[in-house]
Amino acid sequence: AAKAGVPCAVTLTAPSATPRLHDYRRLAALLAEAGTAVPLLVTAPRWERAEDQVLESAILTGGLLCDGLGDGVLVRSALEPAKNLTLVYNLLQGSGTRITKTEYVSCPSCGRTLFDLQETTERIKRQTGHLKGVKIAIMGCIVNGPGEMADADFGTPTSATSAARRT
């Protein structure tokens, strides 16, 4: 239970301007300097266009969560509730704060990739999408694949021959 005069959480709002990353970082620093253990609620403002909502929410919340700042996220959105919830889960997943699904890493498909990387990736996703919290790397060649998949739990440096065998 909250004590009288002590906030349950702190957030930033601005009637005419969007709070920026550095404003939240400064607030977090001030709270830390004061020794205050009040949770910091990161509040993403409402945008009318869905593309703006996704981008601006990702910039604000993603940047802070990746820095370890923020104890909660509130996205005020014109999106449908289900899409807004998906957006929040994707923000948490992207920052590594809360893992709710399988994560995939794939190479950019350079000239050394001799097969349809997108098709192969989709096939692997269909077979492994149920593995919540697992990071899977799908690489197109042996040249850069090992380095690019170093952070993955599972990885496959795929070639045209091995991709053909899996069909």
Protein backbone atom coordinates (compact mmCIF):
# COMPACT_ATOMS: atom_id res chain seq x y z
CA ALA A 1 0.00 0.00 0.00
CA ALA A 2 1.19 3.49 -0.82
CA LYS A 3 1.94 5.94 1.96
CA ALA A 4 0.19 9.30 1.94
CA GLY A 5 2.10 11.75 -0.24
CA VAL A 6 4.38 9.08 -1.75
CA PRO A 7 3.65 8.29 -5.41
CA CYS A 8 3.06 4.69 -6.49
CA ALA A 9 4.86 5.37 -9.78
CA VAL A 10 6.37 8.28 -11.67
CA THR A 11 5.98 9.13 -15.35
CA LEU A 12 6.41 12.09 -17.66
CA THR A 13 3.64 13.73 -19.60
CA ALA A 14 3.61 16.89 -21.63
CA PRO A 15 0.50 18.57 -23.03
CA SER A 16 2.15 19.96 -26.15
CA ALA A 17 5.45 18.16 -26.62
CA THR A 18 6.42 14.53 -26.48
CA PRO A 19 8.72 13.62 -23.58
CA ARG A 20 12.04 12.61 -25.03
CA LEU A 21 14.48 9.89 -24.10
CA HIS A 22 16.81 12.25 -22.30
CA ASP A 23 13.93 13.58 -20.17
CA TYR A 24 13.23 10.07 -18.88
CA ARG A 25 16.94 9.38 -18.42
CA ARG A 26 17.28 12.57 -16.40
CA LEU A 27 14.25 11.66 -14.29
CA ALA A 28 15.70 8.20 -13.63
CA ALA A 29 19.01 9.78 -12.61
CA LEU A 30 17.26 12.22 -10.26
CA LEU A 31 15.29 9.38 -8.67
CA ALA A 32 18.49 7.37 -8.22
CA GLU A 33 20.36 10.36 -6.74
CA ALA A 34 17.53 10.89 -4.28
CA GLY A 35 17.57 7.21 -3.34
CA THR A 36 13.92 6.94 -4.30
CA ALA A 37 12.68 3.47 -5.14
CA VAL A 38 9.57 4.69 -6.94
CA PRO A 39 8.81 2.72 -10.13
CA LEU A 40 9.29 4.61 -13.39
CA LEU A 41 6.38 4.18 -15.80
CA VAL A 42 7.42 4.85 -19.40
CA THR A 43 4.43 6.42 -21.13
CA ALA A 44 4.39 6.57 -24.92
CA PRO A 45 2.04 9.28 -26.17
CA ARG A 46 -0.82 8.69 -28.56
CA TRP A 47 -0.23 9.07 -32.29
CA GLU A 48 -3.05 8.98 -34.83
CA ARG A 49 -1.17 7.11 -37.56
CA ALA A 50 -0.35 3.49 -36.72
CA GLU A 51 3.11 3.77 -38.30
CA ASP A 52 3.93 6.78 -36.12
CA GLN A 53 2.64 4.99 -33.02
CA VAL A 54 4.85 1.97 -33.63
CA LEU A 55 7.95 3.99 -34.51
CA GLU A 56 7.69 6.60 -31.76
CA SER A 57 6.78 4.01 -29.11
CA ALA A 58 9.74 1.85 -30.14
CA ILE A 59 12.15 4.78 -30.00
CA LEU A 60 11.03 5.92 -26.57
CA THR A 61 10.34 2.67 -24.75
CA GLY A 62 12.92 0.56 -26.56
CA GLY A 63 15.73 2.99 -25.85
CA LEU A 64 14.87 3.20 -22.17
CA LEU A 65 14.21 -0.49 -21.62
CA CYS A 66 17.47 -1.44 -23.34
CA ASP A 67 19.22 0.90 -20.89
CA GLY A 68 17.53 -0.89 -17.99
CA LEU A 69 15.28 2.08 -17.23
CA GLY A 70 11.56 1.75 -16.70
CA ASP A 71 9.50 -0.53 -14.52
CA GLY A 72 6.36 -0.42 -16.63
CA VAL A 73 5.17 0.63 -20.07
CA LEU A 74 1.99 2.44 -21.02
CA VAL A 75 1.28 3.01 -24.70
CA ARG A 76 -1.58 5.40 -25.33
CA SER A 77 -2.71 4.41 -28.76
CA ALA A 78 -5.33 4.86 -31.46
CA LEU A 79 -4.72 1.21 -32.35
CA GLU A 80 -7.29 -1.48 -31.64
CA PRO A 81 -6.72 -2.92 -28.14
CA ALA A 82 -5.41 -6.25 -29.48
CA LYS A 83 -2.94 -4.49 -31.79
CA ASN A 84 -1.87 -2.18 -28.98
CA LEU A 85 -1.20 -5.19 -26.74
CA THR A 86 0.80 -6.84 -29.55
CA LEU A 87 2.81 -3.62 -29.92
CA VAL A 88 3.64 -3.56 -26.21
CA TYR A 89 4.66 -7.24 -26.21
CA ASN A 90 6.84 -6.61 -29.28
CA LEU A 91 8.49 -3.65 -27.53
CA LEU A 92 9.20 -5.79 -24.48
CA GLN A 93 10.47 -8.66 -26.66
CA GLY A 94 12.71 -6.39 -28.72
CA SER A 95 14.32 -4.92 -25.63
CA GLY A 96 14.77 -8.33 -24.01
CA THR A 97 12.63 -7.25 -21.06
CA ARG A 98 9.96 -9.91 -21.49
CA ILE A 99 10.31 -12.81 -23.88
CA THR A 100 6.95 -14.06 -25.17
CA LYS A 101 7.83 -15.74 -28.46
CA THR A 102 10.56 -17.30 -30.56
CA GLU A 103 13.10 -14.82 -31.91
CA TYR A 104 14.64 -15.22 -35.35
CA VAL A 105 17.82 -13.72 -36.76
CA SER A 106 18.55 -13.97 -40.44
CA CYS A 107 21.34 -12.65 -42.61
CA PRO A 108 20.66 -9.95 -45.21
CA SER A 109 20.98 -12.45 -48.07
CA CYS A 110 24.02 -11.30 -49.99
CA GLY A 111 25.28 -12.66 -53.29
CA ARG A 112 26.71 -15.76 -51.58
CA THR A 113 23.19 -16.93 -50.67
CA LEU A 114 22.23 -19.41 -53.37
CA PHE A 115 18.70 -20.23 -52.21
CA ASP A 116 15.49 -18.46 -51.22
CA LEU A 117 16.33 -17.31 -47.69
CA GLN A 118 12.86 -15.89 -47.02
CA GLU A 119 11.15 -19.15 -47.94
CA THR A 120 13.59 -21.18 -45.84
CA THR A 121 13.14 -18.81 -42.90
CA GLU A 122 9.34 -19.09 -43.12
CA ARG A 123 9.58 -22.88 -43.20
CA ILE A 124 11.79 -22.88 -40.10
CA LYS A 125 9.41 -20.44 -38.38
CA ARG A 126 6.45 -22.74 -39.01
CA GLN A 127 8.33 -25.64 -37.43
CA THR A 128 9.77 -23.77 -34.44
CA GLY A 129 7.33 -20.95 -33.66
CA HIS A 130 6.15 -22.72 -30.51
CA LEU A 131 9.60 -22.48 -28.86
CA LYS A 132 9.02 -19.46 -26.62
CA GLY A 133 12.22 -17.76 -25.51
CA VAL A 134 14.48 -19.47 -28.04
CA LYS A 135 16.62 -17.44 -30.45
CA ILE A 136 17.21 -19.13 -33.81
CA ALA A 137 19.65 -17.84 -36.43
CA ILE A 138 19.22 -18.74 -40.10
CA MET A 139 22.26 -17.84 -42.17
CA GLY A 140 22.79 -18.00 -45.90
CA CYS A 141 26.46 -18.98 -45.97
CA ILE A 142 29.34 -20.22 -43.88
CA VAL A 143 31.38 -17.02 -44.34
CA ASN A 144 29.58 -14.65 -41.96
CA GLY A 145 27.04 -17.05 -40.50
CA PRO A 146 29.00 -18.21 -37.43
CA GLY A 147 29.66 -14.66 -36.25
CA GLU A 148 26.14 -13.46 -36.95
CA MET A 149 24.58 -16.37 -35.08
CA ALA A 150 26.87 -16.20 -32.05
CA ASP A 151 24.11 -14.89 -29.75
CA ALA A 152 21.52 -17.43 -30.88
CA ASP A 153 20.52 -20.56 -29.00
CA PHE A 154 20.42 -22.49 -32.28
CA GLY A 155 21.81 -21.59 -35.66
CA THR A 156 22.06 -23.00 -39.11
CA PRO A 157 24.53 -21.87 -41.75
CA THR A 158 22.43 -23.02 -44.69
CA SER A 159 23.60 -23.66 -48.23
CA ALA A 160 21.71 -24.19 -51.48
CA THR A 161 22.28 -27.95 -51.15
CA SER A 162 21.06 -28.21 -47.55
CA ALA A 163 18.06 -25.95 -48.25
CA ALA A 164 17.06 -28.19 -51.17
CA ARG A 165 17.31 -31.33 -48.98
CA ARG A 166 14.85 -29.86 -46.45
CA THR A 167 12.03 -29.41 -48.96
